[in-house]
Structures are given as structure tokens and as C-alpha cells.
Amino acid sequence: MADESHPLRETILRETLAKPGSQEAVALVGILYENRIVLSKTLRRSLPRHPAAMHLDPLEPQSAAELVARVYGMDEDDLFLAFHRQWAAMRDTPMVLGLVAGMQSHQHVNRLEPWAATP
């Protein structure tokens, strides 16, 4: 499921956070960039049987910023620049950890797996 516009990502975002502030939007971009979303067993049973149906791969920062901006009606370029300026400092903050926990508790998500960027 490498499709960056996969509707499940949009559903998970909308249902995790109704209206993010600028910091939360940056955090969502970082979370989508650094984590693979492993889908819930219930959802996987309803999807076609192939390995790609088990997870949503991480997105590149530009793609993640585009998705978050589209879902929440934000400016993509501003969000992308804010991500580059702020993500390193906010990566392990309670706010980000709370958003990760919120995403992991979504009905379609089994867990988020940290995913290393290209070595």
C-alpha cells in the first residue's frame, strides 16, 4: 500500500485529531514520516491477501506534509518548512507521544512501527 493518498491514512488522521494546531500538524508529518502504520487484524481480514495489505509504509516528508495539509486545509509549503525547522526538537515530546498513542488506539491501527529512513 505504497499509495500516498491511501484513504485509510486520511481516515486515521481525521479520526485521531479533528483540527490540529501548527505544532500538532508538524508532529503528524513527522509521525507519518518516521513510522509504518500496521493495520489492525480486523481490518486486514477484510483486505486482499497480500503482504502490502498489512501496513501503510512511511511517507517522505513532502508527501506527508501534502497529505496533512490536504486533510486539514493547511498550506503545504508552510507545513513542510515548519517540519524541517521544528521536527528534530519536538520528536520525543509528550505532545508527539500523545498523538502516537492516539493513532495507535484508532480502530484500524494495530500499532505504529518506527521505521528508519534510508540508511
PDB file of N, CA and C in Angstrom:
ATOM      1  N   MET A   1       0.834  -1.192   0.000  1.00  0.00           N
ATOM      2  CA  MET A   1       0.000   0.000   0.000  1.00  0.00           C
ATOM      3  C   MET A   1       0.867   1.240   0.000  1.00  0.00           C
ATOM      4  N   ALA A   2       1.649   1.369  -0.986  1.00  0.00           N
ATOM      5  CA  ALA A   2       2.568   2.496  -1.047  1.00  0.00           C
ATOM      6  C   ALA A   2       1.871   3.762  -1.528  1.00  0.00           C
ATOM      7  N   ASP A   3       0.616   3.664  -1.915  1.00  0.00           N
ATOM      8  CA  ASP A   3      -0.125   4.825  -2.400  1.00  0.00           C
ATOM      9  C   ASP A   3      -0.196   5.883  -1.314  1.00  0.00           C
ATOM     10  N   GLU A   4       0.410   7.040  -1.582  1.00  0.00           N
ATOM     11  CA  GLU A   4       0.482   8.110  -0.590  1.00  0.00           C
ATOM     12  C   GLU A   4      -0.877   8.682  -0.240  1.00  0.00           C
ATOM     13  N   SER A   5      -1.842   8.546  -1.141  1.00  0.00           N
ATOM     14  CA  SER A   5      -3.148   9.135  -0.891  1.00  0.00           C
ATOM     15  C   SER A   5      -4.131   8.086  -0.374  1.00  0.00           C
ATOM     16  N   HIS A   6      -3.623   6.988   0.140  1.00  0.00           N
ATOM     17  CA  HIS A   6      -4.497   5.922   0.604  1.00  0.00           C
ATOM     18  C   HIS A   6      -5.542   6.487   1.560  1.00  0.00           C
ATOM     19  N   PRO A   7      -6.810   6.214   1.313  1.00  0.00           N
ATOM     20  CA  PRO A   7      -7.870   6.793   2.135  1.00  0.00           C
ATOM     21  C   PRO A   7      -7.804   6.385   3.611  1.00  0.00           C
ATOM     22  N   LEU A   8      -7.183   5.271   3.917  1.00  0.00           N
ATOM     23  CA  LEU A   8      -7.058   4.884   5.323  1.00  0.00           C
ATOM     24  C   LEU A   8      -6.226   5.888   6.111  1.00  0.00           C
ATOM     25  N   ARG A   9      -5.161   6.388   5.504  1.00  0.00           N
ATOM     26  CA  ARG A   9      -4.342   7.402   6.185  1.00  0.00           C
ATOM     27  C   ARG A   9      -5.195   8.620   6.522  1.00  0.00           C
ATOM     28  N   GLU A  10      -5.985   9.060   5.551  1.00  0.00           N
ATOM     29  CA  GLU A  10      -6.835  10.225   5.775  1.00  0.00           C
ATOM     30  C   GLU A  10      -7.837   9.966   6.894  1.00  0.00           C
ATOM     31  N   THR A  11      -8.448   8.796   6.880  1.00  0.00           N
ATOM     32  CA  THR A  11      -9.416   8.440   7.921  1.00  0.00           C
ATOM     33  C   THR A  11      -8.751   8.421   9.286  1.00  0.00           C
ATOM     34  N   ILE A  12      -7.593   7.810   9.375  1.00  0.00           N
ATOM     35  CA  ILE A  12      -6.882   7.725  10.651  1.00  0.00           C
ATOM     36  C   ILE A  12      -6.531   9.119  11.153  1.00  0.00           C
ATOM     37  N   LEU A  13      -6.055   9.982  10.267  1.00  0.00           N
ATOM     38  CA  LEU A  13      -5.719  11.350  10.670  1.00  0.00           C
ATOM     39  C   LEU A  13      -6.949  12.097  11.177  1.00  0.00           C
ATOM     40  N   ARG A  14      -8.007  12.092  10.369  1.00  0.00           N
ATOM     41  CA  ARG A  14      -9.227  12.834  10.748  1.00  0.00           C
ATOM     42  C   ARG A  14      -9.818  12.347  12.065  1.00  0.00           C
ATOM     43  N   GLU A  15      -9.775  11.043  12.277  1.00  0.00           N
ATOM     44  CA  GLU A  15     -10.388  10.482  13.475  1.00  0.00           C
ATOM     45  C   GLU A  15      -9.469  10.526  14.687  1.00  0.00           C
ATOM     46  N   THR A  16      -8.185  10.771  14.466  1.00  0.00           N
ATOM     47  CA  THR A  16      -7.245  10.917  15.577  1.00  0.00           C
ATOM     48  C   THR A  16      -7.266  12.348  16.103  1.00  0.00           C
ATOM     49  N   LEU A  17      -7.352  13.308  15.190  1.00  0.00           N
ATOM     50  CA  LEU A  17      -7.285  14.712  15.567  1.00  0.00           C
ATOM     51  C   LEU A  17      -8.184  15.516  14.639  1.00  0.00           C
ATOM     52  N   ALA A  18      -9.211  16.126  15.204  1.00  0.00           N
ATOM     53  CA  ALA A  18     -10.187  16.852  14.392  1.00  0.00           C
ATOM     54  C   ALA A  18      -9.591  18.098  13.746  1.00  0.00           C
ATOM     55  N   LYS A  19      -8.880  18.906  14.505  1.00  0.00           N
ATOM     56  CA  LYS A  19      -8.327  20.165  13.984  1.00  0.00           C
ATOM     57  C   LYS A  19      -7.004  20.450  14.688  1.00  0.00           C
ATOM     58  N   PRO A  20      -5.878  20.092  14.058  1.00  0.00           N
ATOM     59  CA  PRO A  20      -4.588  20.314  14.709  1.00  0.00           C
ATOM     60  C   PRO A  20      -4.155  21.773  14.651  1.00  0.00           C
ATOM     61  N   GLY A  21      -3.409  22.179  15.677  1.00  0.00           N
ATOM     62  CA  GLY A  21      -2.706  23.445  15.626  1.00  0.00           C
ATOM     63  C   GLY A  21      -1.456  23.262  14.792  1.00  0.00           C
ATOM     64  N   SER A  22      -0.679  24.305  14.613  1.00  0.00           N
ATOM     65  CA  SER A  22       0.501  24.211  13.751  1.00  0.00           C
ATOM     66  C   SER A  22       1.521  23.207  14.283  1.00  0.00           C
ATOM     67  N   GLN A  23       1.732  23.171  15.603  1.00  0.00           N
ATOM     68  CA  GLN A  23       2.680  22.217  16.183  1.00  0.00           C
ATOM     69  C   GLN A  23       2.209  20.777  16.002  1.00  0.00           C
ATOM     70  N   GLU A  24       0.936  20.561  16.195  1.00  0.00           N
ATOM     71  CA  GLU A  24       0.387  19.210  16.028  1.00  0.00           C
ATOM     72  C   GLU A  24       0.468  18.768  14.570  1.00  0.00           C
ATOM     73  N   ALA A  25       0.260  19.681  13.643  1.00  0.00           N
ATOM     74  CA  ALA A  25       0.365  19.346  12.226  1.00  0.00           C
ATOM     75  C   ALA A  25       1.798  18.936  11.877  1.00  0.00           C
ATOM     76  N   VAL A  26       2.763  19.664  12.391  1.00  0.00           N
ATOM     77  CA  VAL A  26       4.174  19.300  12.183  1.00  0.00           C
ATOM     78  C   VAL A  26       4.427  17.908  12.763  1.00  0.00           C
ATOM     79  N   ALA A  27       3.890  17.652  13.940  1.00  0.00           N
ATOM     80  CA  ALA A  27       4.061  16.348  14.574  1.00  0.00           C
ATOM     81  C   ALA A  27       3.454  15.233  13.719  1.00  0.00           C
ATOM     82  N   LEU A  28       2.291  15.465  13.142  1.00  0.00           N
ATOM     83  CA  LEU A  28       1.666  14.453  12.288  1.00  0.00           C
ATOM     84  C   LEU A  28       2.533  14.155  11.063  1.00  0.00           C
ATOM     85  N   VAL A  29       3.128  15.182  10.480  1.00  0.00           N
ATOM     86  CA  VAL A  29       4.034  14.972   9.354  1.00  0.00           C
ATOM     87  C   VAL A  29       5.203  14.088   9.797  1.00  0.00           C
ATOM     88  N   GLY A  30       5.795  14.409  10.946  1.00  0.00           N
ATOM     89  CA  GLY A  30       6.912  13.616  11.449  1.00  0.00           C
ATOM     90  C   GLY A  30       6.527  12.180  11.757  1.00  0.00           C
ATOM     91  N   ILE A  31       5.347  11.996  12.321  1.00  0.00           N
ATOM     92  CA  ILE A  31       4.878  10.650  12.648  1.00  0.00           C
ATOM     93  C   ILE A  31       4.684   9.835  11.369  1.00  0.00           C
ATOM     94  N   LEU A  32       4.073  10.434  10.357  1.00  0.00           N
ATOM     95  CA  LEU A  32       3.865   9.726   9.089  1.00  0.00           C
ATOM     96  C   LEU A  32       5.183   9.445   8.373  1.00  0.00           C
ATOM     97  N   TYR A  33       6.178  10.285   8.613  1.00  0.00           N
ATOM     98  CA  TYR A  33       7.496  10.117   8.001  1.00  0.00           C
ATOM     99  C   TYR A  33       8.309   9.022   8.699  1.00  0.00           C
ATOM    100  N   GLU A  34       8.215   8.933  10.002  1.00  0.00           N
ATOM    101  CA  GLU A  34       9.096   8.036  10.745  1.00  0.00           C
ATOM    102  C   GLU A  34       8.453   6.724  11.188  1.00  0.00           C
ATOM    103  N   ASN A  35       7.195   6.499  10.828  1.00  0.00           N
ATOM    104  CA  ASN A  35       6.512   5.296  11.293  1.00  0.00           C
ATOM    105  C   ASN A  35       5.733   4.613  10.185  1.00  0.00           C
ATOM    106  N   ARG A  36       5.756   3.296  10.253  1.00  0.00           N
ATOM    107  CA  ARG A  36       4.895   2.487   9.397  1.00  0.00           C
ATOM    108  C   ARG A  36       3.654   2.172  10.215  1.00  0.00           C
ATOM    109  N   ILE A  37       2.487   2.298   9.598  1.00  0.00           N
ATOM    110  CA  ILE A  37       1.227   2.013  10.279  1.00  0.00           C
ATOM    111  C   ILE A  37       0.864   0.559  10.004  1.00  0.00           C
ATOM    112  N   VAL A  38       0.889  -0.261  11.061  1.00  0.00           N
ATOM    113  CA  VAL A  38       0.483  -1.657  10.940  1.00  0.00           C
ATOM    114  C   VAL A  38      -1.019  -1.703  11.189  1.00  0.00           C
ATOM    115  N   LEU A  39      -1.740  -2.238  10.224  1.00  0.00           N
ATOM    116  CA  LEU A  39      -3.192  -2.238  10.294  1.00  0.00           C
ATOM    117  C   LEU A  39      -3.713  -3.291  11.271  1.00  0.00           C
ATOM    118  N   SER A  40      -4.886  -3.034  11.813  1.00  0.00           N
ATOM    119  CA  SER A  40      -5.497  -3.948  12.775  1.00  0.00           C
ATOM    120  C   SER A  40      -5.836  -5.280  12.097  1.00  0.00           C
ATOM    121  N   LYS A  41      -5.871  -6.330  12.887  1.00  0.00           N
ATOM    122  CA  LYS A  41      -6.186  -7.659  12.353  1.00  0.00           C
ATOM    123  C   LYS A  41      -7.584  -7.687  11.761  1.00  0.00           C
ATOM    124  N   THR A  42      -8.507  -7.024  12.393  1.00  0.00           N
ATOM    125  CA  THR A  42      -9.879  -6.989  11.883  1.00  0.00           C
ATOM    126  C   THR A  42      -9.917  -6.367  10.494  1.00  0.00           C
ATOM    127  N   LEU A  43      -9.241  -5.265  10.319  1.00  0.00           N
ATOM    128  CA  LEU A  43      -9.210  -4.607   9.012  1.00  0.00           C
ATOM    129  C   LEU A  43      -8.464  -5.460   8.003  1.00  0.00           C
ATOM    130  N   ARG A  44      -7.352  -6.050   8.407  1.00  0.00           N
ATOM    131  CA  ARG A  44      -6.559  -6.864   7.472  1.00  0.00           C
ATOM    132  C   ARG A  44      -7.367  -8.034   6.933  1.00  0.00           C
ATOM    133  N   ARG A  45      -8.247  -8.596   7.750  1.00  0.00           N
ATOM    134  CA  ARG A  45      -9.077  -9.713   7.288  1.00  0.00           C
ATOM    135  C   ARG A  45      -9.996  -9.287   6.140  1.00  0.00           C
ATOM    136  N   SER A  46     -10.348  -8.023   6.091  1.00  0.00           N
ATOM    137  CA  SER A  46     -11.263  -7.546   5.052  1.00  0.00           C
ATOM    138  C   SER A  46     -10.533  -7.068   3.800  1.00  0.00           C
ATOM    139  N   LEU A  47      -9.221  -7.033   3.829  1.00  0.00           N
ATOM    140  CA  LEU A  47      -8.427  -6.554   2.692  1.00  0.00           C
ATOM    141  C   LEU A  47      -7.919  -7.728   1.864  1.00  0.00           C
ATOM    142  N   PRO A  48      -7.537  -7.478   0.611  1.00  0.00           N
ATOM    143  CA  PRO A  48      -6.968  -8.543  -0.236  1.00  0.00           C
ATOM    144  C   PRO A  48      -5.757  -9.184   0.439  1.00  0.00           C
ATOM    145  N   ARG A  49      -5.566 -10.450   0.180  1.00  0.00           N
ATOM    146  CA  ARG A  49      -4.485 -11.207   0.806  1.00  0.00           C
ATOM    147  C   ARG A  49      -3.154 -11.001   0.085  1.00  0.00           C
ATOM    148  N   HIS A  50      -2.381 -10.057   0.528  1.00  0.00           N
ATOM    149  CA  HIS A  50      -1.007  -9.889   0.072  1.00  0.00           C
ATOM    150  C   HIS A  50      -0.282  -9.049   1.114  1.00  0.00           C
ATOM    151  N   PRO A  51       1.044  -9.173   1.195  1.00  0.00           N
ATOM    152  CA  PRO A  51       1.794  -8.501   2.266  1.00  0.00           C
ATOM    153  C   PRO A  51       1.549  -7.002   2.368  1.00  0.00           C
ATOM    154  N   ALA A  52       1.316  -6.336   1.246  1.00  0.00           N
ATOM    155  CA  ALA A  52       1.118  -4.891   1.288  1.00  0.00           C
ATOM    156  C   ALA A  52      -0.166  -4.511   2.008  1.00  0.00           C
ATOM    157  N   ALA A  53      -1.084  -5.458   2.175  1.00  0.00           N
ATOM    158  CA  ALA A  53      -2.355  -5.163   2.839  1.00  0.00           C
ATOM    159  C   ALA A  53      -2.207  -5.127   4.354  1.00  0.00           C
ATOM    160  N   MET A  54      -1.013  -5.350   4.865  1.00  0.00           N
ATOM    161  CA  MET A  54      -0.818  -5.418   6.308  1.00  0.00           C
ATOM    162  C   MET A  54      -0.376  -4.093   6.923  1.00  0.00           C
ATOM    163  N   HIS A  55       0.104  -3.171   6.109  1.00  0.00           N
ATOM    164  CA  HIS A  55       0.623  -1.925   6.664  1.00  0.00           C
ATOM    165  C   HIS A  55       0.596  -0.800   5.630  1.00  0.00           C
ATOM    166  N   LEU A  56       0.755   0.402   6.143  1.00  0.00           N
ATOM    167  CA  LEU A  56       0.927   1.582   5.305  1.00  0.00           C
ATOM    168  C   LEU A  56       2.348   2.074   5.540  1.00  0.00           C
ATOM    169  N   ASP A  57       3.145   2.079   4.501  1.00  0.00           N
ATOM    170  CA  ASP A  57       4.545   2.479   4.628  1.00  0.00           C
ATOM    171  C   ASP A  57       4.668   3.950   5.007  1.00  0.00           C
ATOM    172  N   PRO A  58       5.796   4.310   5.619  1.00  0.00           N
ATOM    173  CA  PRO A  58       6.048   5.724   5.924  1.00  0.00           C
ATOM    174  C   PRO A  58       6.059   6.546   4.639  1.00  0.00           C
ATOM    175  N   LEU A  59       5.798   7.823   4.790  1.00  0.00           N
ATOM    176  CA  LEU A  59       5.818   8.751   3.660  1.00  0.00           C
ATOM    177  C   LEU A  59       7.068   9.612   3.718  1.00  0.00           C
ATOM    178  N   GLU A  60       7.502  10.086   2.578  1.00  0.00           N
ATOM    179  CA  GLU A  60       8.568  11.085   2.546  1.00  0.00           C
ATOM    180  C   GLU A  60       7.991  12.375   3.142  1.00  0.00           C
ATOM    181  N   PRO A  61       8.832  13.237   3.719  1.00  0.00           N
ATOM    182  CA  PRO A  61       8.322  14.455   4.359  1.00  0.00           C
ATOM    183  C   PRO A  61       7.417  15.303   3.467  1.00  0.00           C
ATOM    184  N   GLN A  62       7.790  15.466   2.199  1.00  0.00           N
ATOM    185  CA  GLN A  62       6.965  16.290   1.299  1.00  0.00           C
ATOM    186  C   GLN A  62       5.586  15.660   1.112  1.00  0.00           C
ATOM    187  N   SER A  63       5.542  14.347   0.940  1.00  0.00           N
ATOM    188  CA  SER A  63       4.264  13.659   0.775  1.00  0.00           C
ATOM    189  C   SER A  63       3.437  13.707   2.050  1.00  0.00           C
ATOM    190  N   ALA A  64       4.092  13.553   3.184  1.00  0.00           N
ATOM    191  CA  ALA A  64       3.388  13.619   4.465  1.00  0.00           C
ATOM    192  C   ALA A  64       2.822  15.014   4.689  1.00  0.00           C
ATOM    193  N   ALA A  65       3.597  16.048   4.362  1.00  0.00           N
ATOM    194  CA  ALA A  65       3.120  17.420   4.518  1.00  0.00           C
ATOM    195  C   ALA A  65       1.952  17.694   3.578  1.00  0.00           C
ATOM    196  N   GLU A  66       2.017  17.174   2.370  1.00  0.00           N
ATOM    197  CA  GLU A  66       0.924  17.358   1.417  1.00  0.00           C
ATOM    198  C   GLU A  66      -0.349  16.706   1.942  1.00  0.00           C
ATOM    199  N   LEU A  67      -0.231  15.498   2.466  1.00  0.00           N
ATOM    200  CA  LEU A  67      -1.398  14.783   2.988  1.00  0.00           C
ATOM    201  C   LEU A  67      -2.015  15.516   4.179  1.00  0.00           C
ATOM    202  N   VAL A  68      -1.194  15.872   5.154  1.00  0.00           N
ATOM    203  CA  VAL A  68      -1.695  16.571   6.344  1.00  0.00           C
ATOM    204  C   VAL A  68      -2.320  17.908   5.936  1.00  0.00           C
ATOM    205  N   ALA A  69      -1.673  18.631   5.045  1.00  0.00           N
ATOM    206  CA  ALA A  69      -2.208  19.920   4.591  1.00  0.00           C
ATOM    207  C   ALA A  69      -3.551  19.741   3.893  1.00  0.00           C
ATOM    208  N   ARG A  70      -3.662  18.724   3.065  1.00  0.00           N
ATOM    209  CA  ARG A  70      -4.919  18.478   2.349  1.00  0.00           C
ATOM    210  C   ARG A  70      -6.039  18.083   3.306  1.00  0.00           C
ATOM    211  N   VAL A  71      -5.743  17.190   4.225  1.00  0.00           N
ATOM    212  CA  VAL A  71      -6.765  16.714   5.165  1.00  0.00           C
ATOM    213  C   VAL A  71      -7.285  17.851   6.038  1.00  0.00           C
ATOM    214  N   TYR A  72      -6.395  18.739   6.459  1.00  0.00           N
ATOM    215  CA  TYR A  72      -6.779  19.779   7.415  1.00  0.00           C
ATOM    216  C   TYR A  72      -6.890  21.184   6.819  1.00  0.00           C
ATOM    217  N   GLY A  73      -6.778  21.301   5.509  1.00  0.00           N
ATOM    218  CA  GLY A  73      -6.932  22.603   4.870  1.00  0.00           C
ATOM    219  C   GLY A  73      -5.847  23.596   5.249  1.00  0.00           C
ATOM    220  N   MET A  74      -4.601  23.148   5.234  1.00  0.00           N
ATOM    221  CA  MET A  74      -3.465  23.986   5.603  1.00  0.00           C
ATOM    222  C   MET A  74      -2.603  24.257   4.366  1.00  0.00           C
ATOM    223  N   ASP A  75      -1.678  25.184   4.505  1.00  0.00           N
ATOM    224  CA  ASP A  75      -0.739  25.479   3.430  1.00  0.00           C
ATOM    225  C   ASP A  75       0.395  24.448   3.457  1.00  0.00           C
ATOM    226  N   GLU A  76       0.521  23.710   2.383  1.00  0.00           N
ATOM    227  CA  GLU A  76       1.506  22.626   2.306  1.00  0.00           C
ATOM    228  C   GLU A  76       2.943  23.123   2.439  1.00  0.00           C
ATOM    229  N   ASP A  77       3.283  24.205   1.756  1.00  0.00           N
ATOM    230  CA  ASP A  77       4.657  24.711   1.791  1.00  0.00           C
ATOM    231  C   ASP A  77       5.037  25.186   3.188  1.00  0.00           C
ATOM    232  N   ASP A  78       4.133  25.916   3.840  1.00  0.00           N
ATOM    233  CA  ASP A  78       4.404  26.372   5.206  1.00  0.00           C
ATOM    234  C   ASP A  78       4.594  25.193   6.147  1.00  0.00           C
ATOM    235  N   LEU A  79       3.754  24.173   5.989  1.00  0.00           N
ATOM    236  CA  LEU A  79       3.844  22.991   6.853  1.00  0.00           C
ATOM    237  C   LEU A  79       5.152  22.242   6.617  1.00  0.00           C
ATOM    238  N   PHE A  80       5.543  22.093   5.366  1.00  0.00           N
ATOM    239  CA  PHE A  80       6.783  21.404   5.032  1.00  0.00           C
ATOM    240  C   PHE A  80       7.991  22.137   5.617  1.00  0.00           C
ATOM    241  N   LEU A  81       8.018  23.454   5.482  1.00  0.00           N
ATOM    242  CA  LEU A  81       9.117  24.240   6.052  1.00  0.00           C
ATOM    243  C   LEU A  81       9.128  24.161   7.575  1.00  0.00           C
ATOM    244  N   ALA A  82       7.963  24.227   8.187  1.00  0.00           N
ATOM    245  CA  ALA A  82       7.876  24.121   9.653  1.00  0.00           C
ATOM    246  C   ALA A  82       8.365  22.758  10.117  1.00  0.00           C
ATOM    247  N   PHE A  83       8.045  21.718   9.369  1.00  0.00           N
ATOM    248  CA  PHE A  83       8.524  20.374   9.707  1.00  0.00           C
ATOM    249  C   PHE A  83      10.054  20.362   9.754  1.00  0.00           C
ATOM    250  N   HIS A  84      10.684  20.910   8.740  1.00  0.00           N
ATOM    251  CA  HIS A  84      12.151  20.908   8.700  1.00  0.00           C
ATOM    252  C   HIS A  84      12.760  21.745   9.823  1.00  0.00           C
ATOM    253  N   ARG A  85      12.105  22.806  10.212  1.00  0.00           N
ATOM    254  CA  ARG A  85      12.629  23.661  11.287  1.00  0.00           C
ATOM    255  C   ARG A  85      12.384  23.066  12.669  1.00  0.00           C
ATOM    256  N   GLN A  86      11.283  22.368  12.867  1.00  0.00           N
ATOM    257  CA  GLN A  86      10.838  22.033  14.221  1.00  0.00           C
ATOM    258  C   GLN A  86      10.877  20.555  14.597  1.00  0.00           C
ATOM    259  N   TRP A  87      10.833  19.649  13.646  1.00  0.00           N
ATOM    260  CA  TRP A  87      10.641  18.238  13.977  1.00  0.00           C
ATOM    261  C   TRP A  87      11.731  17.671  14.883  1.00  0.00           C
ATOM    262  N   ALA A  88      12.984  17.946  14.619  1.00  0.00           N
ATOM    263  CA  ALA A  88      14.062  17.366  15.434  1.00  0.00           C
ATOM    264  C   ALA A  88      13.903  17.712  16.904  1.00  0.00           C
ATOM    265  N   ALA A  89      13.477  18.929  17.206  1.00  0.00           N
ATOM    266  CA  ALA A  89      13.330  19.365  18.599  1.00  0.00           C
ATOM    267  C   ALA A  89      12.060  18.819  19.253  1.00  0.00           C
ATOM    268  N   MET A  90      11.069  18.466  18.479  1.00  0.00           N
ATOM    269  CA  MET A  90       9.791  18.048  19.081  1.00  0.00           C
ATOM    270  C   MET A  90       9.556  16.542  19.036  1.00  0.00           C
ATOM    271  N   ARG A  91      10.431  15.804  18.386  1.00  0.00           N
ATOM    272  CA  ARG A  91      10.252  14.374  18.124  1.00  0.00           C
ATOM    273  C   ARG A  91       9.812  13.560  19.352  1.00  0.00           C
ATOM    274  N   ASP A  92      10.420  13.776  20.497  1.00  0.00           N
ATOM    275  CA  ASP A  92      10.123  12.948  21.674  1.00  0.00           C
ATOM    276  C   ASP A  92       9.346  13.691  22.753  1.00  0.00           C
ATOM    277  N   THR A  93       8.617  14.713  22.379  1.00  0.00           N
ATOM    278  CA  THR A  93       7.861  15.495  23.355  1.00  0.00           C
ATOM    279  C   THR A  93       6.569  14.773  23.747  1.00  0.00           C
ATOM    280  N   PRO A  94       6.021  15.107  24.910  1.00  0.00           N
ATOM    281  CA  PRO A  94       4.751  14.491  25.323  1.00  0.00           C
ATOM    282  C   PRO A  94       3.632  14.693  24.296  1.00  0.00           C
ATOM    283  N   MET A  95       3.610  15.823  23.624  1.00  0.00           N
ATOM    284  CA  MET A  95       2.576  16.076  22.618  1.00  0.00           C
ATOM    285  C   MET A  95       2.665  15.056  21.482  1.00  0.00           C
ATOM    286  N   VAL A  96       3.869  14.805  20.987  1.00  0.00           N
ATOM    287  CA  VAL A  96       4.061  13.837  19.907  1.00  0.00           C
ATOM    288  C   VAL A  96       3.735  12.437  20.402  1.00  0.00           C
ATOM    289  N   LEU A  97       4.202  12.098  21.585  1.00  0.00           N
ATOM    290  CA  LEU A  97       3.913  10.772  22.131  1.00  0.00           C
ATOM    291  C   LEU A  97       2.413  10.575  22.320  1.00  0.00           C
ATOM    292  N   GLY A  98       1.705  11.633  22.681  1.00  0.00           N
ATOM    293  CA  GLY A  98       0.256  11.563  22.811  1.00  0.00           C
ATOM    294  C   GLY A  98      -0.434  11.336  21.474  1.00  0.00           C
ATOM    295  N   LEU A  99       0.060  12.004  20.431  1.00  0.00           N
ATOM    296  CA  LEU A  99      -0.508  11.790  19.096  1.00  0.00           C
ATOM    297  C   LEU A  99      -0.240  10.370  18.599  1.00  0.00           C
ATOM    298  N   VAL A 100       0.951   9.855  18.872  1.00  0.00           N
ATOM    299  CA  VAL A 100       1.262   8.469  18.507  1.00  0.00           C
ATOM    300  C   VAL A 100       0.300   7.526  19.224  1.00  0.00           C
ATOM    301  N   ALA A 101       0.101   7.743  20.520  1.00  0.00           N
ATOM    302  CA  ALA A 101      -0.821   6.904  21.280  1.00  0.00           C
ATOM    303  C   ALA A 101      -2.238   7.004  20.728  1.00  0.00           C
ATOM    304  N   GLY A 102      -2.651   8.211  20.348  1.00  0.00           N
ATOM    305  CA  GLY A 102      -3.973   8.393  19.768  1.00  0.00           C
ATOM    306  C   GLY A 102      -4.129   7.641  18.458  1.00  0.00           C
ATOM    307  N   MET A 103      -3.107   7.686  17.624  1.00  0.00           N
ATOM    308  CA  MET A 103      -3.162   6.959  16.353  1.00  0.00           C
ATOM    309  C   MET A 103      -3.176   5.453  16.593  1.00  0.00           C
ATOM    310  N   GLN A 104      -2.396   4.999  17.565  1.00  0.00           N
ATOM    311  CA  GLN A 104      -2.338   3.570  17.854  1.00  0.00           C
ATOM    312  C   GLN A 104      -3.645   3.045  18.433  1.00  0.00           C
ATOM    313  N   SER A 105      -4.450   3.929  19.009  1.00  0.00           N
ATOM    314  CA  SER A 105      -5.721   3.477  19.568  1.00  0.00           C
ATOM    315  C   SER A 105      -6.853   3.527  18.535  1.00  0.00           C
ATOM    316  N   HIS A 106      -6.547   3.974  17.317  1.00  0.00           N
ATOM    317  CA  HIS A 106      -7.557   4.019  16.263  1.00  0.00           C
ATOM    318  C   HIS A 106      -7.986   2.597  15.912  1.00  0.00           C
ATOM    319  N   GLN A 107      -9.251   2.423  15.597  1.00  0.00           N
ATOM    320  CA  GLN A 107      -9.795   1.094  15.317  1.00  0.00           C
ATOM    321  C   GLN A 107      -9.110   0.371  14.151  1.00  0.00           C
ATOM    322  N   HIS A 108      -8.536   1.086  13.198  1.00  0.00           N
ATOM    323  CA  HIS A 108      -7.895   0.459  12.045  1.00  0.00           C
ATOM    324  C   HIS A 108      -6.399   0.230  12.247  1.00  0.00           C
ATOM    325  N   VAL A 109      -5.860   0.641  13.395  1.00  0.00           N
ATOM    326  CA  VAL A 109      -4.417   0.573  13.632  1.00  0.00           C
ATOM    327  C   VAL A 109      -4.104  -0.451  14.720  1.00  0.00           C
ATOM    328  N   ASN A 110      -3.179  -1.325  14.421  1.00  0.00           N
ATOM    329  CA  ASN A 110      -2.676  -2.249  15.431  1.00  0.00           C
ATOM    330  C   ASN A 110      -1.561  -1.563  16.217  1.00  0.00           C
ATOM    331  N   ARG A 111      -0.609  -0.952  15.473  1.00  0.00           N
ATOM    332  CA  ARG A 111       0.495  -0.243  16.126  1.00  0.00           C
ATOM    333  C   ARG A 111       1.225   0.602  15.083  1.00  0.00           C
ATOM    334  N   LEU A 112       2.050   1.503  15.579  1.00  0.00           N
ATOM    335  CA  LEU A 112       2.970   2.247  14.723  1.00  0.00           C
ATOM    336  C   LEU A 112       4.351   1.647  14.950  1.00  0.00           C
ATOM    337  N   GLU A 113       5.050   1.370  13.881  1.00  0.00           N
ATOM    338  CA  GLU A 113       6.404   0.827  13.978  1.00  0.00           C
ATOM    339  C   GLU A 113       7.390   1.893  13.537  1.00  0.00           C
ATOM    340  N   PRO A 114       8.331   2.249  14.418  1.00  0.00           N
ATOM    341  CA  PRO A 114       9.377   3.180  13.974  1.00  0.00           C
ATOM    342  C   PRO A 114      10.057   2.587  12.749  1.00  0.00           C
ATOM    343  N   TRP A 115      10.279   3.435  11.786  1.00  0.00           N
ATOM    344  CA  TRP A 115      10.825   2.977  10.516  1.00  0.00           C
ATOM    345  C   TRP A 115      11.974   3.892  10.150  1.00  0.00           C
ATOM    346  N   ALA A 116      13.153   3.338  10.077  1.00  0.00           N
ATOM    347  CA  ALA A 116      14.331   4.143   9.777  1.00  0.00           C
ATOM    348  C   ALA A 116      14.257   4.667   8.341  1.00  0.00           C
ATOM    349  N   ALA A 117      14.627   5.912   8.196  1.00  0.00           N
ATOM    350  CA  ALA A 117      14.730   6.484   6.853  1.00  0.00           C
ATOM    351  C   ALA A 117      15.887   5.795   6.134  1.00  0.00           C
ATOM    352  N   THR A 118      16.069   6.090   4.897  1.00  0.00           N
ATOM    353  CA  THR A 118      17.143   5.476   4.124  1.00  0.00           C
ATOM    354  C   THR A 118      18.463   5.604   4.875  1.00  0.00           C
ATOM    355  N   PRO A 119      19.174   4.466   5.078  1.00  0.00           N
ATOM    356  CA  PRO A 119      20.431   4.494   5.843  1.00  0.00           C
ATOM    357  C   PRO A 119      21.506   5.330   5.198  1.00  0.00           C
TER     358      PRO A 119
END
